[in-house]
Amino acid sequence: MDKAFFCPTVLSIAGSDCSGGAGIQADIKTVSALGAYAATAITSITIQNTYGVQASCPISPDVVTGQIKAVMDDLMPNAVKIGMIEDAETVRAISRTLAEYPDIPIIYDPVMVSSSGHPLMDEEAIEVVKKKLFPLCTLITPNLSEAKVLTGKSFTTMDDMADNIRHLRQWGAYAILLKGGHLEGGEMTDLLLMPDTDEPISFQSEKVDSPNTHGTGCTLSSAIAAIVAQGYSLPDAIRQAKHYVTEAIRQGADVQTGHGHGPLNHFFSPLPLKKFFPTEEKKV
């Protein structure tokens, strides 16, 4: 080979979802679909499916940091995505390790509670995240429930989002994307607050009627990381990532995977999937 082809690399530091719809598995699919190379450091093994999270088992902090260093010192990622971290010691270990690589953009989806209500981070860990991890982050992407946990303030309207997003910058993250997907209405609005301004940038997208939204937050944050890794600015990366997520939800709306809230269609095709995977049962 005369000349090696460069492929942007994203390291995902997150939990494993055995059902394949969220966490590390969603990150790998997303990063791959968007043309980058996915590496991983697993923080926790979860027992979950399309009905929700039943239990989780954290990985030793030393093993987590060992994974991160192994990837960093060889693959040299162009961006890092962080998802589920359960305990304070692992947060401290990840923060210490990532501080050694200050030039790599970090996109953090602060996963604290599953959509089914299962706690995914204890109180001590949340406090350590605020003090140790947020200051290292290029972007944090809390949803409204996570923003309430972090600030103690309610986010029930667009005015609440606009008024209270500034409270999320007090812990030192470079930028904040506050996701408003749980608000009522036919559109989803996210607000991006960049440094040196109090006026957030608004991103609108239509709400897609679908039961298959498992892993949406993981997918969005890893999509942003994959696009940032390819040299795009944060606003451009967010705009493109939101378009990708909307299409992945739309293209997966009629696909049945499991019997609860199914995953997005990360590798959506312009061809109808039901042509290849008919929904009607076949007799054996």
C-alpha atoms as a PDB file:
ATOM      1  CA  MET A   1       0.000   0.000   0.000  1.00  0.00           C
ATOM      2  CA  ASP A   2       1.580   3.257  -1.141  1.00  0.00           C
ATOM      3  CA  LYS A   3      -0.695   5.584   0.796  1.00  0.00           C
ATOM      4  CA  ALA A   4      -2.865   4.833   3.839  1.00  0.00           C
ATOM      5  CA  PHE A   5      -6.452   6.077   3.859  1.00  0.00           C
ATOM      6  CA  PHE A   6      -7.311   8.188   6.883  1.00  0.00           C
ATOM      7  CA  CYS A   7     -10.566   7.337   8.654  1.00  0.00           C
ATOM      8  CA  PRO A   8     -11.726   9.605  11.502  1.00  0.00           C
ATOM      9  CA  THR A   9     -12.045   7.675  14.767  1.00  0.00           C
ATOM     10  CA  VAL A  10     -14.516   8.116  17.619  1.00  0.00           C
ATOM     11  CA  LEU A  11     -14.034   6.556  21.047  1.00  0.00           C
ATOM     12  CA  SER A  12     -17.303   5.795  22.822  1.00  0.00           C
ATOM     13  CA  ILE A  13     -17.099   5.459  26.606  1.00  0.00           C
ATOM     14  CA  ALA A  14     -20.468   4.038  27.621  1.00  0.00           C
ATOM     15  CA  GLY A  15     -22.492   1.092  28.879  1.00  0.00           C
ATOM     16  CA  SER A  16     -23.362  -2.020  26.905  1.00  0.00           C
ATOM     17  CA  ASP A  17     -26.977  -2.709  25.884  1.00  0.00           C
ATOM     18  CA  CYS A  18     -27.458  -6.447  25.311  1.00  0.00           C
ATOM     19  CA  SER A  19     -30.551  -5.749  23.178  1.00  0.00           C
ATOM     20  CA  GLY A  20     -28.436  -3.672  20.788  1.00  0.00           C
ATOM     21  CA  GLY A  21     -30.558  -0.536  20.632  1.00  0.00           C
ATOM     22  CA  ALA A  22     -28.747   1.892  22.919  1.00  0.00           C
ATOM     23  CA  GLY A  23     -25.383   2.429  24.612  1.00  0.00           C
ATOM     24  CA  ILE A  24     -22.186   1.144  23.034  1.00  0.00           C
ATOM     25  CA  GLN A  25     -24.087  -0.833  20.412  1.00  0.00           C
ATOM     26  CA  ALA A  26     -26.031   2.213  19.188  1.00  0.00           C
ATOM     27  CA  ASP A  27     -22.829   4.246  19.190  1.00  0.00           C
ATOM     28  CA  ILE A  28     -20.965   1.725  17.034  1.00  0.00           C
ATOM     29  CA  LYS A  29     -23.831   1.593  14.532  1.00  0.00           C
ATOM     30  CA  THR A  30     -24.163   5.386  14.392  1.00  0.00           C
ATOM     31  CA  VAL A  31     -20.473   6.167  14.029  1.00  0.00           C
ATOM     32  CA  SER A  32     -20.125   3.488  11.354  1.00  0.00           C
ATOM     33  CA  ALA A  33     -23.186   4.702   9.447  1.00  0.00           C
ATOM     34  CA  LEU A  34     -21.746   8.214   9.369  1.00  0.00           C
ATOM     35  CA  GLY A  35     -18.419   7.203   7.926  1.00  0.00           C
ATOM     36  CA  ALA A  36     -16.119   7.123  10.952  1.00  0.00           C
ATOM     37  CA  TYR A  37     -14.407   4.299  12.844  1.00  0.00           C
ATOM     38  CA  ALA A  38     -15.852   3.313  16.227  1.00  0.00           C
ATOM     39  CA  ALA A  39     -13.709   2.285  19.181  1.00  0.00           C
ATOM     40  CA  THR A  40     -15.128   1.587  22.646  1.00  0.00           C
ATOM     41  CA  ALA A  41     -14.478   1.587  26.372  1.00  0.00           C
ATOM     42  CA  ILE A  42     -17.283  -0.201  28.215  1.00  0.00           C
ATOM     43  CA  THR A  43     -18.250   1.258  31.608  1.00  0.00           C
ATOM     44  CA  SER A  44     -21.106  -1.069  32.538  1.00  0.00           C
ATOM     45  CA  ILE A  45     -22.922  -4.207  31.432  1.00  0.00           C
ATOM     46  CA  THR A  46     -26.685  -3.718  31.496  1.00  0.00           C
ATOM     47  CA  ILE A  47     -29.533  -6.209  31.477  1.00  0.00           C
ATOM     48  CA  GLN A  48     -32.107  -4.582  29.258  1.00  0.00           C
ATOM     49  CA  ASN A  49     -34.349  -4.977  26.254  1.00  0.00           C
ATOM     50  CA  THR A  50     -37.026  -2.967  24.470  1.00  0.00           C
ATOM     51  CA  TYR A  51     -39.112  -2.980  27.668  1.00  0.00           C
ATOM     52  CA  GLY A  52     -36.424  -1.197  29.693  1.00  0.00           C
ATOM     53  CA  VAL A  53     -33.411  -1.652  31.973  1.00  0.00           C
ATOM     54  CA  GLN A  54     -33.701  -4.369  34.597  1.00  0.00           C
ATOM     55  CA  ALA A  55     -30.208  -4.254  36.129  1.00  0.00           C
ATOM     56  CA  SER A  56     -26.633  -3.173  35.519  1.00  0.00           C
ATOM     57  CA  CYS A  57     -23.146  -4.169  36.582  1.00  0.00           C
ATOM     58  CA  PRO A  58     -20.381  -1.537  36.529  1.00  0.00           C
ATOM     59  CA  ILE A  59     -16.932  -2.380  35.169  1.00  0.00           C
ATOM     60  CA  SER A  60     -13.911  -1.771  37.424  1.00  0.00           C
ATOM     61  CA  PRO A  61     -12.563   1.810  37.047  1.00  0.00           C
ATOM     62  CA  ASP A  62      -9.079   0.427  36.328  1.00  0.00           C
ATOM     63  CA  VAL A  63     -10.453  -1.654  33.469  1.00  0.00           C
ATOM     64  CA  VAL A  64     -12.363   1.328  32.100  1.00  0.00           C
ATOM     65  CA  THR A  65      -9.290   3.566  32.116  1.00  0.00           C
ATOM     66  CA  GLY A  66      -7.191   0.749  30.675  1.00  0.00           C
ATOM     67  CA  GLN A  67      -9.550   0.532  27.719  1.00  0.00           C
ATOM     68  CA  ILE A  68      -9.441   4.308  27.198  1.00  0.00           C
ATOM     69  CA  LYS A  69      -5.630   4.457  27.268  1.00  0.00           C
ATOM     70  CA  ALA A  70      -5.279   1.462  24.950  1.00  0.00           C
ATOM     71  CA  VAL A  71      -7.419   3.215  22.351  1.00  0.00           C
ATOM     72  CA  MET A  72      -5.983   6.684  22.888  1.00  0.00           C
ATOM     73  CA  ASP A  73      -2.350   5.649  22.638  1.00  0.00           C
ATOM     74  CA  ASP A  74      -2.810   3.629  19.453  1.00  0.00           C
ATOM     75  CA  LEU A  75      -5.861   4.767  17.470  1.00  0.00           C
ATOM     76  CA  MET A  76      -5.591   8.452  18.503  1.00  0.00           C
ATOM     77  CA  PRO A  77      -9.345   9.286  18.261  1.00  0.00           C
ATOM     78  CA  ASN A  78     -10.564  12.510  16.692  1.00  0.00           C
ATOM     79  CA  ALA A  79     -13.505  12.756  19.123  1.00  0.00           C
ATOM     80  CA  VAL A  80     -14.806  11.101  22.284  1.00  0.00           C
ATOM     81  CA  LYS A  81     -18.417  10.367  23.124  1.00  0.00           C
ATOM     82  CA  ILE A  82     -19.337   9.594  26.752  1.00  0.00           C
ATOM     83  CA  GLY A  83     -22.570   7.963  27.817  1.00  0.00           C
ATOM     84  CA  MET A  84     -23.568   5.958  30.879  1.00  0.00           C
ATOM     85  CA  ILE A  85     -21.290   6.065  33.944  1.00  0.00           C
ATOM     86  CA  GLU A  86     -22.747   4.586  37.129  1.00  0.00           C
ATOM     87  CA  ASP A  87     -20.466   5.460  40.052  1.00  0.00           C
ATOM     88  CA  ALA A  88     -18.272   8.264  41.344  1.00  0.00           C
ATOM     89  CA  GLU A  89     -14.985   6.364  41.250  1.00  0.00           C
ATOM     90  CA  THR A  90     -15.413   5.585  37.570  1.00  0.00           C
ATOM     91  CA  VAL A  91     -16.245   9.242  36.856  1.00  0.00           C
ATOM     92  CA  ARG A  92     -13.047  10.279  38.661  1.00  0.00           C
ATOM     93  CA  ALA A  93     -10.985   7.701  36.796  1.00  0.00           C
ATOM     94  CA  ILE A  94     -12.374   8.723  33.393  1.00  0.00           C
ATOM     95  CA  SER A  95     -11.854  12.418  34.169  1.00  0.00           C
ATOM     96  CA  ARG A  96      -8.222  11.877  35.213  1.00  0.00           C
ATOM     97  CA  THR A  97      -7.524   9.863  32.093  1.00  0.00           C
ATOM     98  CA  LEU A  98      -9.198  12.215  29.603  1.00  0.00           C
ATOM     99  CA  ALA A  99      -7.414  15.207  31.149  1.00  0.00           C
ATOM    100  CA  GLU A 100      -4.232  13.731  29.648  1.00  0.00           C
ATOM    101  CA  TYR A 101      -5.658  14.300  26.143  1.00  0.00           C
ATOM    102  CA  PRO A 102      -6.873  17.934  26.249  1.00  0.00           C
ATOM    103  CA  ASP A 103      -7.060  18.517  22.489  1.00  0.00           C
ATOM    104  CA  ILE A 104      -9.689  15.867  21.701  1.00  0.00           C
ATOM    105  CA  PRO A 105     -13.336  17.069  21.564  1.00  0.00           C
ATOM    106  CA  ILE A 106     -15.559  15.366  24.151  1.00  0.00           C
ATOM    107  CA  ILE A 107     -19.318  14.984  23.634  1.00  0.00           C
ATOM    108  CA  TYR A 108     -21.057  13.884  26.846  1.00  0.00           C
ATOM    109  CA  ASP A 109     -24.610  12.592  27.049  1.00  0.00           C
ATOM    110  CA  PRO A 110     -25.203  12.663  30.846  1.00  0.00           C
ATOM    111  CA  VAL A 111     -27.320   9.507  31.118  1.00  0.00           C
ATOM    112  CA  MET A 112     -28.767   9.485  34.644  1.00  0.00           C
ATOM    113  CA  VAL A 113     -32.148   7.775  34.442  1.00  0.00           C
ATOM    114  CA  SER A 114     -33.405   5.310  31.834  1.00  0.00           C
ATOM    115  CA  SER A 115     -36.590   6.077  29.924  1.00  0.00           C
ATOM    116  CA  SER A 116     -38.272   3.349  31.985  1.00  0.00           C
ATOM    117  CA  GLY A 117     -37.300   5.134  35.216  1.00  0.00           C
ATOM    118  CA  HIS A 118     -34.340   2.956  36.269  1.00  0.00           C
ATOM    119  CA  PRO A 119     -31.620   5.063  38.013  1.00  0.00           C
ATOM    120  CA  LEU A 120     -28.346   4.809  36.101  1.00  0.00           C
ATOM    121  CA  MET A 121     -26.145   7.081  38.235  1.00  0.00           C
ATOM    122  CA  ASP A 122     -25.937   7.589  41.993  1.00  0.00           C
ATOM    123  CA  GLU A 123     -25.982  10.982  43.747  1.00  0.00           C
ATOM    124  CA  GLU A 124     -22.254  11.067  44.492  1.00  0.00           C
ATOM    125  CA  ALA A 125     -21.466  10.331  40.856  1.00  0.00           C
ATOM    126  CA  ILE A 126     -23.654  13.227  39.718  1.00  0.00           C
ATOM    127  CA  GLU A 127     -21.752  15.639  41.946  1.00  0.00           C
ATOM    128  CA  VAL A 128     -18.396  14.368  40.689  1.00  0.00           C
ATOM    129  CA  VAL A 129     -19.611  14.716  37.091  1.00  0.00           C
ATOM    130  CA  LYS A 130     -20.364  18.384  37.738  1.00  0.00           C
ATOM    131  CA  LYS A 131     -16.967  19.103  39.310  1.00  0.00           C
ATOM    132  CA  LYS A 132     -14.602  16.852  37.370  1.00  0.00           C
ATOM    133  CA  LEU A 133     -16.079  15.801  34.025  1.00  0.00           C
ATOM    134  CA  PHE A 134     -18.144  18.750  32.790  1.00  0.00           C
ATOM    135  CA  PRO A 135     -15.117  21.116  32.701  1.00  0.00           C
ATOM    136  CA  LEU A 136     -13.416  18.750  30.222  1.00  0.00           C
ATOM    137  CA  CYS A 137     -16.395  18.570  27.861  1.00  0.00           C
ATOM    138  CA  THR A 138     -16.739  20.300  24.516  1.00  0.00           C
ATOM    139  CA  LEU A 139     -20.498  19.657  24.577  1.00  0.00           C
ATOM    140  CA  ILE A 140     -22.989  18.181  27.037  1.00  0.00           C
ATOM    141  CA  THR A 141     -26.400  17.016  25.775  1.00  0.00           C
ATOM    142  CA  PRO A 142     -28.863  16.699  28.675  1.00  0.00           C
ATOM    143  CA  ASN A 143     -32.557  16.093  28.091  1.00  0.00           C
ATOM    144  CA  LEU A 144     -35.142  17.904  30.215  1.00  0.00           C
ATOM    145  CA  SER A 145     -35.211  15.254  32.949  1.00  0.00           C
ATOM    146  CA  GLU A 146     -31.416  15.292  33.247  1.00  0.00           C
ATOM    147  CA  ALA A 147     -31.367  19.091  33.266  1.00  0.00           C
ATOM    148  CA  LYS A 148     -33.807  19.046  36.183  1.00  0.00           C
ATOM    149  CA  VAL A 149     -31.598  16.588  38.094  1.00  0.00           C
ATOM    150  CA  LEU A 150     -28.576  18.803  37.485  1.00  0.00           C
ATOM    151  CA  THR A 151     -30.140  22.187  38.280  1.00  0.00           C
ATOM    152  CA  GLY A 152     -33.197  21.411  40.412  1.00  0.00           C
ATOM    153  CA  LYS A 153     -35.249  23.548  38.037  1.00  0.00           C
ATOM    154  CA  SER A 154     -38.313  22.471  36.057  1.00  0.00           C
ATOM    155  CA  PHE A 155     -38.249  22.483  32.237  1.00  0.00           C
ATOM    156  CA  THR A 156     -41.828  22.183  31.008  1.00  0.00           C
ATOM    157  CA  THR A 157     -42.028  24.891  28.313  1.00  0.00           C
ATOM    158  CA  MET A 158     -39.790  26.492  25.717  1.00  0.00           C
ATOM    159  CA  ASP A 159     -39.597  29.568  27.919  1.00  0.00           C
ATOM    160  CA  ASP A 160     -38.274  27.373  30.751  1.00  0.00           C
ATOM    161  CA  MET A 161     -35.612  26.014  28.446  1.00  0.00           C
ATOM    162  CA  ALA A 162     -34.540  29.460  27.235  1.00  0.00           C
ATOM    163  CA  ASP A 163     -34.543  30.919  30.759  1.00  0.00           C
ATOM    164  CA  ASN A 164     -32.775  28.050  32.521  1.00  0.00           C
ATOM    165  CA  ILE A 165     -30.245  26.695  30.012  1.00  0.00           C
ATOM    166  CA  ARG A 166     -27.735  29.221  31.332  1.00  0.00           C
ATOM    167  CA  HIS A 167     -27.723  27.462  34.704  1.00  0.00           C
ATOM    168  CA  LEU A 168     -26.145  24.446  33.022  1.00  0.00           C
ATOM    169  CA  ARG A 169     -22.986  26.343  32.107  1.00  0.00           C
ATOM    170  CA  GLN A 170     -21.961  26.949  35.736  1.00  0.00           C
ATOM    171  CA  TRP A 171     -19.881  23.742  35.840  1.00  0.00           C
ATOM    172  CA  GLY A 172     -17.636  24.744  32.963  1.00  0.00           C
ATOM    173  CA  ALA A 173     -18.661  22.746  29.899  1.00  0.00           C
ATOM    174  CA  TYR A 174     -17.709  24.586  26.697  1.00  0.00           C
ATOM    175  CA  ALA A 175     -21.208  24.303  25.167  1.00  0.00           C
ATOM    176  CA  ILE A 176     -24.620  22.909  26.150  1.00  0.00           C
ATOM    177  CA  LEU A 177     -27.267  21.313  23.941  1.00  0.00           C
ATOM    178  CA  LEU A 178     -30.535  21.153  25.896  1.00  0.00           C
ATOM    179  CA  LYS A 179     -32.852  18.650  24.237  1.00  0.00           C
ATOM    180  CA  GLY A 180     -36.562  19.507  24.251  1.00  0.00           C
ATOM    181  CA  GLY A 181     -37.947  16.353  22.687  1.00  0.00           C
ATOM    182  CA  HIS A 182     -40.221  15.598  25.639  1.00  0.00           C
ATOM    183  CA  LEU A 183     -42.169  18.855  25.354  1.00  0.00           C
ATOM    184  CA  GLU A 184     -45.691  18.747  23.972  1.00  0.00           C
ATOM    185  CA  GLY A 185     -46.280  19.739  20.353  1.00  0.00           C
ATOM    186  CA  GLY A 186     -45.590  18.599  16.828  1.00  0.00           C
ATOM    187  CA  GLU A 187     -42.004  19.855  16.709  1.00  0.00           C
ATOM    188  CA  MET A 188     -38.895  19.064  18.703  1.00  0.00           C
ATOM    189  CA  THR A 189     -36.748  22.039  19.643  1.00  0.00           C
ATOM    190  CA  ASP A 190     -33.233  21.795  21.032  1.00  0.00           C
ATOM    191  CA  LEU A 191     -31.256  24.789  22.252  1.00  0.00           C
ATOM    192  CA  LEU A 192     -27.495  25.147  21.844  1.00  0.00           C
ATOM    193  CA  LEU A 193     -25.699  27.568  24.143  1.00  0.00           C
ATOM    194  CA  MET A 194     -22.213  28.417  22.948  1.00  0.00           C
ATOM    195  CA  PRO A 195     -19.618  30.236  25.067  1.00  0.00           C
ATOM    196  CA  ASP A 196     -19.510  34.035  25.252  1.00  0.00           C
ATOM    197  CA  THR A 197     -23.224  34.442  24.540  1.00  0.00           C
ATOM    198  CA  ASP A 198     -26.510  34.239  26.421  1.00  0.00           C
ATOM    199  CA  GLU A 199     -28.561  33.754  23.265  1.00  0.00           C
ATOM    200  CA  PRO A 200     -29.005  30.072  22.411  1.00  0.00           C
ATOM    201  CA  ILE A 201     -29.192  28.718  18.875  1.00  0.00           C
ATOM    202  CA  SER A 202     -32.469  26.925  18.178  1.00  0.00           C
ATOM    203  CA  PHE A 203     -32.767  23.672  16.218  1.00  0.00           C
ATOM    204  CA  GLN A 204     -36.232  22.509  15.138  1.00  0.00           C
ATOM    205  CA  SER A 205     -37.195  19.137  13.735  1.00  0.00           C
ATOM    206  CA  GLU A 206     -40.513  17.414  13.272  1.00  0.00           C
ATOM    207  CA  LYS A 207     -41.687  14.779  15.704  1.00  0.00           C
ATOM    208  CA  VAL A 208     -41.985  11.405  14.031  1.00  0.00           C
ATOM    209  CA  ASP A 209     -44.821   9.197  15.249  1.00  0.00           C
ATOM    210  CA  SER A 210     -43.004   5.974  16.075  1.00  0.00           C
ATOM    211  CA  PRO A 211     -42.886   3.438  18.924  1.00  0.00           C
ATOM    212  CA  ASN A 212     -39.229   2.814  18.088  1.00  0.00           C
ATOM    213  CA  THR A 213     -37.195   5.466  19.864  1.00  0.00           C
ATOM    214  CA  HIS A 214     -34.952   3.310  22.079  1.00  0.00           C
ATOM    215  CA  GLY A 215     -31.442   4.769  22.046  1.00  0.00           C
ATOM    216  CA  THR A 216     -32.292   8.179  20.586  1.00  0.00           C
ATOM    217  CA  GLY A 217     -30.075  10.127  23.007  1.00  0.00           C
ATOM    218  CA  CYS A 218     -27.131   7.763  22.528  1.00  0.00           C
ATOM    219  CA  THR A 219     -27.536   8.002  18.783  1.00  0.00           C
ATOM    220  CA  LEU A 220     -27.663  11.800  18.720  1.00  0.00           C
ATOM    221  CA  SER A 221     -24.565  12.292  20.863  1.00  0.00           C
ATOM    222  CA  SER A 222     -22.519   9.705  18.976  1.00  0.00           C
ATOM    223  CA  ALA A 223     -23.672  11.197  15.659  1.00  0.00           C
ATOM    224  CA  ILE A 224     -22.461  14.629  16.800  1.00  0.00           C
ATOM    225  CA  ALA A 225     -19.120  13.079  17.806  1.00  0.00           C
ATOM    226  CA  ALA A 226     -18.768  11.294  14.462  1.00  0.00           C
ATOM    227  CA  ILE A 227     -19.407  14.510  12.525  1.00  0.00           C
ATOM    228  CA  VAL A 228     -17.183  16.650  14.761  1.00  0.00           C
ATOM    229  CA  ALA A 229     -14.439  14.045  14.219  1.00  0.00           C
ATOM    230  CA  GLN A 230     -14.660  14.841  10.514  1.00  0.00           C
ATOM    231  CA  GLY A 231     -13.910  18.514  11.085  1.00  0.00           C
ATOM    232  CA  TYR A 232     -17.335  20.160  11.272  1.00  0.00           C
ATOM    233  CA  SER A 233     -18.210  22.924  13.746  1.00  0.00           C
ATOM    234  CA  LEU A 234     -20.533  22.163  16.643  1.00  0.00           C
ATOM    235  CA  PRO A 235     -23.593  23.921  15.157  1.00  0.00           C
ATOM    236  CA  ASP A 236     -23.089  22.175  11.797  1.00  0.00           C
ATOM    237  CA  ALA A 237     -22.502  18.815  13.474  1.00  0.00           C
ATOM    238  CA  ILE A 238     -25.648  19.173  15.580  1.00  0.00           C
ATOM    239  CA  ARG A 239     -27.743  20.163  12.569  1.00  0.00           C
ATOM    240  CA  GLN A 240     -26.565  17.164  10.556  1.00  0.00           C
ATOM    241  CA  ALA A 241     -26.832  14.788  13.519  1.00  0.00           C
ATOM    242  CA  LYS A 242     -30.416  15.816  14.213  1.00  0.00           C
ATOM    243  CA  HIS A 243     -31.319  15.195  10.567  1.00  0.00           C
ATOM    244  CA  TYR A 244     -29.731  11.734  10.778  1.00  0.00           C
ATOM    245  CA  VAL A 245     -31.634  10.858  13.970  1.00  0.00           C
ATOM    246  CA  THR A 246     -34.950  12.079  12.552  1.00  0.00           C
ATOM    247  CA  GLU A 247     -34.500   9.928   9.453  1.00  0.00           C
ATOM    248  CA  ALA A 248     -33.365   6.927  11.511  1.00  0.00           C
ATOM    249  CA  ILE A 249     -36.569   7.204  13.577  1.00  0.00           C
ATOM    250  CA  ARG A 250     -38.710   7.661  10.471  1.00  0.00           C
ATOM    251  CA  GLN A 251     -37.116   4.768   8.619  1.00  0.00           C
ATOM    252  CA  GLY A 252     -37.422   2.509  11.666  1.00  0.00           C
ATOM    253  CA  ALA A 253     -41.027   3.325  12.559  1.00  0.00           C
ATOM    254  CA  ASP A 254     -42.458   0.250  10.812  1.00  0.00           C
ATOM    255  CA  VAL A 255     -39.697  -2.168  11.777  1.00  0.00           C
ATOM    256  CA  GLN A 256     -40.501  -4.511  14.666  1.00  0.00           C
ATOM    257  CA  THR A 257     -37.537  -5.392  16.870  1.00  0.00           C
ATOM    258  CA  GLY A 258     -38.697  -6.763  20.213  1.00  0.00           C
ATOM    259  CA  HIS A 259     -42.092  -6.075  21.717  1.00  0.00           C
ATOM    260  CA  GLY A 260     -41.574  -2.763  23.539  1.00  0.00           C
ATOM    261  CA  HIS A 261     -39.941   0.461  22.411  1.00  0.00           C
ATOM    262  CA  GLY A 262     -37.751  -0.737  19.559  1.00  0.00           C
ATOM    263  CA  PRO A 263     -34.530   0.852  18.295  1.00  0.00           C
ATOM    264  CA  LEU A 264     -33.962   3.337  15.507  1.00  0.00           C
ATOM    265  CA  ASN A 265     -32.965   2.144  12.058  1.00  0.00           C
ATOM    266  CA  HIS A 266     -29.327   3.242  12.143  1.00  0.00           C
ATOM    267  CA  PHE A 267     -28.552   1.850   8.694  1.00  0.00           C
ATOM    268  CA  PHE A 268     -31.668   3.158   7.009  1.00  0.00           C
ATOM    269  CA  SER A 269     -32.005   2.673   3.274  1.00  0.00           C
ATOM    270  CA  PRO A 270     -34.127   4.502   0.704  1.00  0.00           C
ATOM    271  CA  LEU A 271     -35.603   1.084  -0.119  1.00  0.00           C
ATOM    272  CA  PRO A 272     -38.508  -0.038   2.118  1.00  0.00           C
ATOM    273  CA  LEU A 273     -37.210  -2.451   4.737  1.00  0.00           C
ATOM    274  CA  LYS A 274     -40.422  -4.479   4.727  1.00  0.00           C
ATOM    275  CA  LYS A 275     -39.548  -5.561   1.204  1.00  0.00           C
ATOM    276  CA  PHE A 276     -36.726  -7.579   2.720  1.00  0.00           C
ATOM    277  CA  PHE A 277     -38.141  -8.253   6.179  1.00  0.00           C
ATOM    278  CA  PRO A 278     -41.896  -8.882   5.831  1.00  0.00           C
ATOM    279  CA  THR A 279     -43.856  -8.429   9.063  1.00  0.00           C
ATOM    280  CA  GLU A 280     -46.261 -11.281   8.495  1.00  0.00           C
ATOM    281  CA  GLU A 281     -45.360 -14.555  10.206  1.00  0.00           C
ATOM    282  CA  LYS A 282     -44.239 -17.445   8.045  1.00  0.00           C
ATOM    283  CA  LYS A 283     -45.218 -21.024   8.779  1.00  0.00           C
ATOM    284  CA  VAL A 284     -42.320 -23.408   9.170  1.00  0.00           C
END
